[in-house]
Amino acid sequence: MKITEGSFEATGHTSVICDFSPPRSGDAAVVGQAQIDADFISVAYNPGRAVRTNSAMLAAAIQNSGKDAVFTLATRDMNKLALQTQLLGAQLLGVQNVVVVQGDPFGERDQTRVASVNDYTPTGLIAAIAQMNQGQDFKESKLGQPTDFCIGATMDLGRGIEEEAQLAVRKVEAGAEFLITQPIFNVDHVARYRESFGYHAGKAGTVPIYFGLQILEKNGVLFSSVPESVRSELEDGRTGVDIALELYRKFQKARLNNIYLMPPIKRGGARNYEAAKEFLGKIKKA
C-alpha cells in the first residue's frame, strides 16, 4: 500500500510510520524484529554512516512478511545512474514507497576512506523519480515501463520554520507526495509551520505530513534538539514511553494525525523496538 493510501487523509484514522534501522549483517532474522504494529515500517538508509543492509532490499523482505514498508534513499553515495538503477530494482521487488534524503555528511576521518557523490540534491532526486514515474530516466530516454513510486521528503522544523516551509514547498512541487518531520517536542511550532507552508504552497499544501515523535531513554542517545525539561524528566525516572504518550495526546489535540515514530536509540546505535511496541499497544487501547 502507498503511504498516501494509508494516511489519515485517506482513511480518517491515525496513521503511524515506524522508523527501523537495518542491521550490520545480512541475517534474515531482522525481518522478525520489524513485526511492529505500525501501519508502515520505514527502513533507514545506513544510519551512523555505517555499512548496513540495503534499505530497499530489506523493505522488500519486510513487505514479503506481510507489513507495508518504505525505504529511504540518500543522494550522498551514488551517482544518477546508480540511484536510478537502485530504484528500478526496488520496483522489481515491489516496493512503492521511497523517502529521499541527503544523508549525513562524512566526518573528517571517514573522508579519507570514502567519497561523497551528491550527483543530485534531494529536491533534484525527487524530480528525477517523478520523471521515472512518467517513464523517463535521467538521460530523458524512455524506460521499459514507468515506475510507480510514492515519493516522500523530509524536513526539520528545528532549522527555521520559514526556511523549511519554503524548502518543503519546492520538494512538493518537484513531486513529493508526503512529508516526514524530524522529532517535534513543541506542538506550537507546527501551527506556525502550517501557516507558512500554506502561504507559500497554495494547492501544493495538501500532502500528508507525518510528524516526528521520538521515544527517548535515560541512558540512550539524546540529540541536541531534546529540550532540557524532557531531559530532566528522564533523569527523575519518568519513562520515555510515558513522555511520548503525553506528547502523542498533544499531537491528537492539535490534529496531528499522521505520526512518524522513532524508537529509542541505545548507546552504540541499537534501537529499542520493545519500547515502540509498548507505545503502540497503549495508543491502540486509548
Protein backbone atom coordinates (compact mmCIF):
# COMPACT_ATOMS: atom_id res chain seq x y z
CA MET A 1 0.00 0.00 0.00
CA LYS A 2 1.18 3.51 -0.75
CA ILE A 3 1.68 5.99 2.08
CA THR A 4 -0.90 8.30 0.52
CA GLU A 5 -3.46 5.47 0.63
CA GLY A 6 -2.78 4.71 4.29
CA SER A 7 -2.53 8.25 5.65
CA PHE A 8 -5.13 9.91 7.88
CA GLU A 9 -6.25 11.99 4.89
CA ALA A 10 -7.17 8.78 3.02
CA THR A 11 -8.52 6.64 5.88
CA GLY A 12 -9.79 9.00 8.59
CA HIS A 13 -7.71 7.08 11.14
CA THR A 14 -4.40 7.92 12.81
CA SER A 15 -1.57 6.58 10.66
CA VAL A 16 1.83 5.56 12.06
CA ILE A 17 5.11 5.01 10.24
CA CYS A 18 7.73 3.39 12.49
CA ASP A 19 11.42 4.04 11.85
CA PHE A 20 13.53 0.88 11.52
CA SER A 21 17.31 0.58 11.40
CA PRO A 22 18.85 -2.01 9.04
CA PRO A 23 21.40 -4.37 10.63
CA ARG A 24 25.13 -4.60 10.02
CA SER A 25 24.66 -8.06 8.52
CA GLY A 26 22.54 -9.92 6.03
CA ASP A 27 20.84 -12.02 8.71
CA ALA A 28 17.23 -12.61 7.64
CA ALA A 29 16.16 -12.77 11.30
CA VAL A 30 15.95 -8.97 11.22
CA VAL A 31 12.61 -9.28 9.41
CA GLY A 32 11.16 -10.71 12.61
CA GLN A 33 12.26 -7.63 14.54
CA ALA A 34 10.24 -5.49 12.13
CA GLN A 35 6.93 -7.08 13.15
CA ILE A 36 5.78 -3.89 14.84
CA ASP A 37 2.11 -2.88 14.93
CA ALA A 38 2.53 0.28 12.86
CA ASP A 39 0.86 0.99 9.53
CA PHE A 40 4.23 1.20 7.75
CA ILE A 41 7.81 0.24 8.58
CA SER A 42 10.34 2.77 7.27
CA VAL A 43 13.81 1.34 6.67
CA ALA A 44 16.52 3.91 7.29
CA TYR A 45 19.50 4.44 4.99
CA ASN A 46 22.86 3.47 6.55
CA PRO A 47 22.32 5.07 9.99
CA GLY A 48 25.56 6.25 11.55
CA ARG A 49 27.17 6.26 8.09
CA ALA A 50 27.87 2.55 8.66
CA VAL A 51 27.78 -0.42 6.29
CA ARG A 52 24.31 -1.91 6.65
CA THR A 53 21.75 -3.98 4.75
CA ASN A 54 20.43 -2.27 1.62
CA SER A 55 17.31 -0.33 2.60
CA ALA A 56 15.25 -1.22 -0.49
CA MET A 57 16.02 -4.93 -0.22
CA LEU A 58 15.17 -5.02 3.48
CA ALA A 59 11.93 -3.11 2.82
CA ALA A 60 11.02 -5.72 0.22
CA ALA A 61 11.73 -8.55 2.69
CA ILE A 62 9.56 -6.84 5.31
CA GLN A 63 6.75 -6.44 2.76
CA ASN A 64 7.01 -10.13 1.92
CA SER A 65 6.37 -10.85 5.61
CA GLY A 66 3.04 -9.01 5.36
CA LYS A 67 3.98 -5.50 6.57
CA ASP A 68 3.75 -2.40 4.39
CA ALA A 69 7.17 -0.79 4.07
CA VAL A 70 9.08 2.31 2.99
CA PHE A 71 12.74 2.59 2.06
CA THR A 72 14.97 5.61 2.44
CA LEU A 73 17.34 6.63 -0.35
CA ALA A 74 20.20 9.12 0.08
CA THR A 75 21.77 11.29 -2.59
CA ARG A 76 25.15 11.23 -0.81
CA ASP A 77 26.58 7.92 -2.03
CA MET A 78 25.50 7.21 -5.60
CA ASN A 79 25.56 8.95 -8.96
CA LYS A 80 22.47 9.36 -11.12
CA LEU A 81 22.96 6.06 -12.94
CA ALA A 82 23.38 4.07 -9.72
CA LEU A 83 20.42 5.75 -8.00
CA GLN A 84 18.02 5.11 -10.86
CA THR A 85 19.29 1.53 -11.17
CA GLN A 86 18.58 1.08 -7.46
CA LEU A 87 15.08 2.44 -7.96
CA LEU A 88 14.31 0.04 -10.81
CA GLY A 89 15.50 -2.80 -8.57
CA ALA A 90 13.12 -1.62 -5.85
CA GLN A 91 10.31 -1.57 -8.39
CA LEU A 92 11.16 -5.15 -9.38
CA LEU A 93 10.92 -6.16 -5.70
CA GLY A 94 7.51 -4.50 -5.37
CA VAL A 95 8.45 -1.63 -3.06
CA GLN A 96 6.45 1.51 -3.90
CA ASN A 97 7.23 3.94 -1.06
CA VAL A 98 10.52 5.84 -1.04
CA VAL A 99 11.76 8.70 1.15
CA VAL A 100 14.52 10.88 -0.30
CA VAL A 101 17.22 12.29 1.99
CA GLN A 102 20.66 13.76 1.51
CA GLY A 103 22.41 11.64 4.14
CA ASP A 104 24.58 12.97 6.95
CA PRO A 105 27.94 14.31 5.78
CA PHE A 106 31.01 12.18 6.43
CA GLY A 107 33.30 13.19 9.24
CA GLU A 108 36.95 14.08 8.74
CA ARG A 109 38.14 10.54 9.46
CA ASP A 110 35.63 8.95 7.06
CA GLN A 111 36.62 11.34 4.28
CA THR A 112 39.99 9.56 4.00
CA ARG A 113 38.14 6.29 3.27
CA VAL A 114 35.03 7.16 1.28
CA ALA A 115 33.87 9.93 -1.05
CA SER A 116 30.54 11.72 -1.15
CA VAL A 117 28.87 11.88 -4.56
CA ASN A 118 25.76 14.08 -4.29
CA ASP A 119 25.04 13.92 -8.01
CA TYR A 120 21.53 15.07 -7.08
CA THR A 121 20.21 17.39 -4.42
CA PRO A 122 17.27 15.79 -2.57
CA THR A 123 14.86 18.03 -4.49
CA GLY A 124 16.59 17.04 -7.73
CA LEU A 125 16.25 13.32 -6.96
CA ILE A 126 12.57 13.80 -6.10
CA ALA A 127 12.06 15.41 -9.51
CA ALA A 128 14.01 12.59 -11.19
CA ILE A 129 11.84 9.91 -9.55
CA ALA A 130 8.73 11.81 -10.61
CA GLN A 131 10.15 11.77 -14.14
CA MET A 132 10.69 8.00 -13.86
CA ASN A 133 7.04 7.71 -12.88
CA GLN A 134 6.35 9.35 -16.24
CA GLY A 135 8.54 6.79 -18.00
CA GLN A 136 11.85 8.66 -18.49
CA ASP A 137 15.30 8.22 -16.98
CA PHE A 138 17.82 10.99 -16.25
CA LYS A 139 19.03 10.89 -19.88
CA GLU A 140 15.42 11.52 -20.97
CA SER A 141 15.44 8.05 -22.52
CA LYS A 142 12.24 6.03 -22.37
CA LEU A 143 12.06 3.33 -19.70
CA GLY A 144 10.63 -0.08 -20.50
CA GLN A 145 7.68 0.92 -18.31
CA PRO A 146 7.08 3.81 -15.93
CA THR A 147 7.78 3.34 -12.25
CA ASP A 148 5.01 3.89 -9.71
CA PHE A 149 6.72 5.27 -6.63
CA CYS A 150 5.03 7.21 -3.87
CA ILE A 151 7.69 9.80 -3.11
CA GLY A 152 8.39 11.21 0.34
CA ALA A 153 10.62 14.03 1.55
CA THR A 154 11.92 15.15 4.94
CA MET A 155 12.07 18.43 6.80
CA ASP A 156 13.44 19.70 10.10
CA LEU A 157 11.46 22.43 11.83
CA GLY A 158 14.39 22.97 14.19
CA ARG A 159 16.36 24.61 11.37
CA GLY A 160 13.96 27.51 10.92
CA ILE A 161 10.26 27.27 10.22
CA GLU A 162 10.10 29.76 7.36
CA GLU A 163 13.10 28.28 5.53
CA GLU A 164 11.88 24.70 5.97
CA ALA A 165 8.39 25.62 4.79
CA GLN A 166 9.77 27.10 1.58
CA LEU A 167 12.06 24.09 1.05
CA ALA A 168 9.16 21.70 1.63
CA VAL A 169 7.10 23.55 -0.97
CA ARG A 170 9.91 23.14 -3.52
CA LYS A 171 10.07 19.42 -2.75
CA VAL A 172 6.30 19.05 -3.18
CA GLU A 173 6.41 20.99 -6.44
CA ALA A 174 9.19 18.63 -7.59
CA GLY A 175 6.98 15.60 -6.94
CA ALA A 176 6.95 14.73 -3.22
CA GLU A 177 3.60 13.23 -2.20
CA PHE A 178 4.12 13.13 1.56
CA LEU A 179 6.44 14.75 4.09
CA ILE A 180 8.16 13.50 7.25
CA THR A 181 9.49 15.76 10.00
CA GLN A 182 12.32 15.34 12.47
CA PRO A 183 11.20 14.88 16.12
CA ILE A 184 8.86 17.57 17.41
CA PHE A 185 8.68 18.49 21.09
CA ASN A 186 6.79 21.77 20.80
CA VAL A 187 3.44 21.38 19.05
CA ASP A 188 3.12 25.16 18.76
CA HIS A 189 5.88 25.11 16.13
CA VAL A 190 3.63 23.02 13.89
CA ALA A 191 0.91 25.68 13.74
CA ARG A 192 3.49 28.26 12.66
CA TYR A 193 4.89 25.87 10.07
CA ARG A 194 1.46 25.04 8.66
CA GLU A 195 0.66 28.73 8.32
CA SER A 196 3.92 29.41 6.50
CA PHE A 197 3.70 26.28 4.35
CA GLY A 198 0.12 27.01 3.36
CA TYR A 199 1.04 30.59 2.47
CA HIS A 200 3.84 29.51 0.13
CA ALA A 201 2.29 26.28 -1.16
CA GLY A 202 -1.18 27.16 -2.36
CA LYS A 203 -2.62 23.99 -3.88
CA ALA A 204 0.65 22.14 -3.17
CA GLY A 205 -0.11 22.36 0.55
CA THR A 206 -2.41 19.36 0.75
CA VAL A 207 0.09 16.48 1.01
CA PRO A 208 0.07 14.30 4.16
CA ILE A 209 2.67 15.29 6.76
CA TYR A 210 3.97 12.68 9.21
CA PHE A 211 5.11 14.46 12.37
CA GLY A 212 8.13 13.05 14.17
CA LEU A 213 7.53 11.62 17.64
CA GLN A 214 10.62 10.18 19.33
CA ILE A 215 10.62 7.81 22.29
CA LEU A 216 13.61 8.53 24.50
CA GLU A 217 15.61 6.59 27.10
CA LYS A 218 17.57 7.96 30.04
CA ASN A 219 20.75 6.14 29.03
CA GLY A 220 20.11 6.32 25.30
CA VAL A 221 21.23 8.76 22.64
CA LEU A 222 19.72 12.22 23.21
CA PHE A 223 20.18 14.68 20.36
CA SER A 224 20.64 18.40 20.90
CA SER A 225 17.03 19.09 19.91
CA VAL A 226 15.72 17.37 23.07
CA PRO A 227 14.53 20.10 25.48
CA GLU A 228 16.10 20.37 28.93
CA SER A 229 12.68 19.85 30.52
CA VAL A 230 12.40 16.43 28.85
CA ARG A 231 15.95 15.51 29.84
CA SER A 232 15.13 16.40 33.44
CA GLU A 233 12.03 14.19 33.40
CA LEU A 234 14.12 11.25 32.21
CA GLU A 235 16.71 11.91 34.92
CA ASP A 236 13.94 11.98 37.52
CA GLY A 237 12.84 8.49 36.49
CA ARG A 238 9.93 9.12 34.13
CA THR A 239 9.89 6.60 31.29
CA GLY A 240 10.40 7.61 27.69
CA VAL A 241 7.20 5.81 26.71
CA ASP A 242 5.20 7.84 29.25
CA ILE A 243 6.69 11.11 27.96
CA ALA A 244 5.94 10.06 24.37
CA LEU A 245 2.33 9.22 25.28
CA GLU A 246 1.84 12.69 26.77
CA LEU A 247 3.26 14.26 23.61
CA TYR A 248 1.06 12.00 21.48
CA ARG A 249 -2.02 13.32 23.29
CA LYS A 250 -0.87 16.85 22.44
CA PHE A 251 -0.46 15.74 18.82
CA GLN A 252 -4.01 14.42 18.80
CA LYS A 253 -5.39 17.61 20.35
CA ALA A 254 -3.61 19.62 17.64
CA ARG A 255 -4.98 17.23 14.98
CA LEU A 256 -1.58 15.87 14.03
CA ASN A 257 -2.95 12.51 12.94
CA ASN A 258 -0.01 11.18 10.93
CA ILE A 259 2.84 10.07 13.18
CA TYR A 260 6.45 9.19 12.35
CA LEU A 261 7.50 7.13 15.36
CA MET A 262 11.19 6.86 16.27
CA PRO A 263 12.11 4.13 18.79
CA PRO A 264 14.77 4.91 21.41
CA ILE A 265 18.37 4.78 20.21
CA LYS A 266 20.70 2.98 22.60
CA ARG A 267 24.38 3.77 23.03
CA GLY A 268 26.11 2.04 20.14
CA GLY A 269 23.18 2.62 17.78
CA ALA A 270 20.83 -0.29 18.54
CA ARG A 271 17.11 0.53 18.69
CA ASN A 272 14.68 -0.42 21.44
CA TYR A 273 11.77 -1.75 19.42
CA GLU A 274 10.09 -3.13 22.54
CA ALA A 275 9.50 0.46 23.66
CA ALA A 276 7.88 1.20 20.29
CA LYS A 277 5.65 -1.86 20.66
CA GLU A 278 4.66 -0.77 24.19
CA PHE A 279 3.82 2.74 22.96
CA LEU A 280 1.78 1.46 20.02
CA GLY A 281 -0.06 -1.02 22.21
CA LYS A 282 -1.11 1.76 24.58
CA ILE A 283 -2.34 4.17 21.90
CA LYS A 284 -4.34 1.36 20.28
CA LYS A 285 -6.16 0.81 23.58
CA ALA A 286 -6.77 4.52 24.18
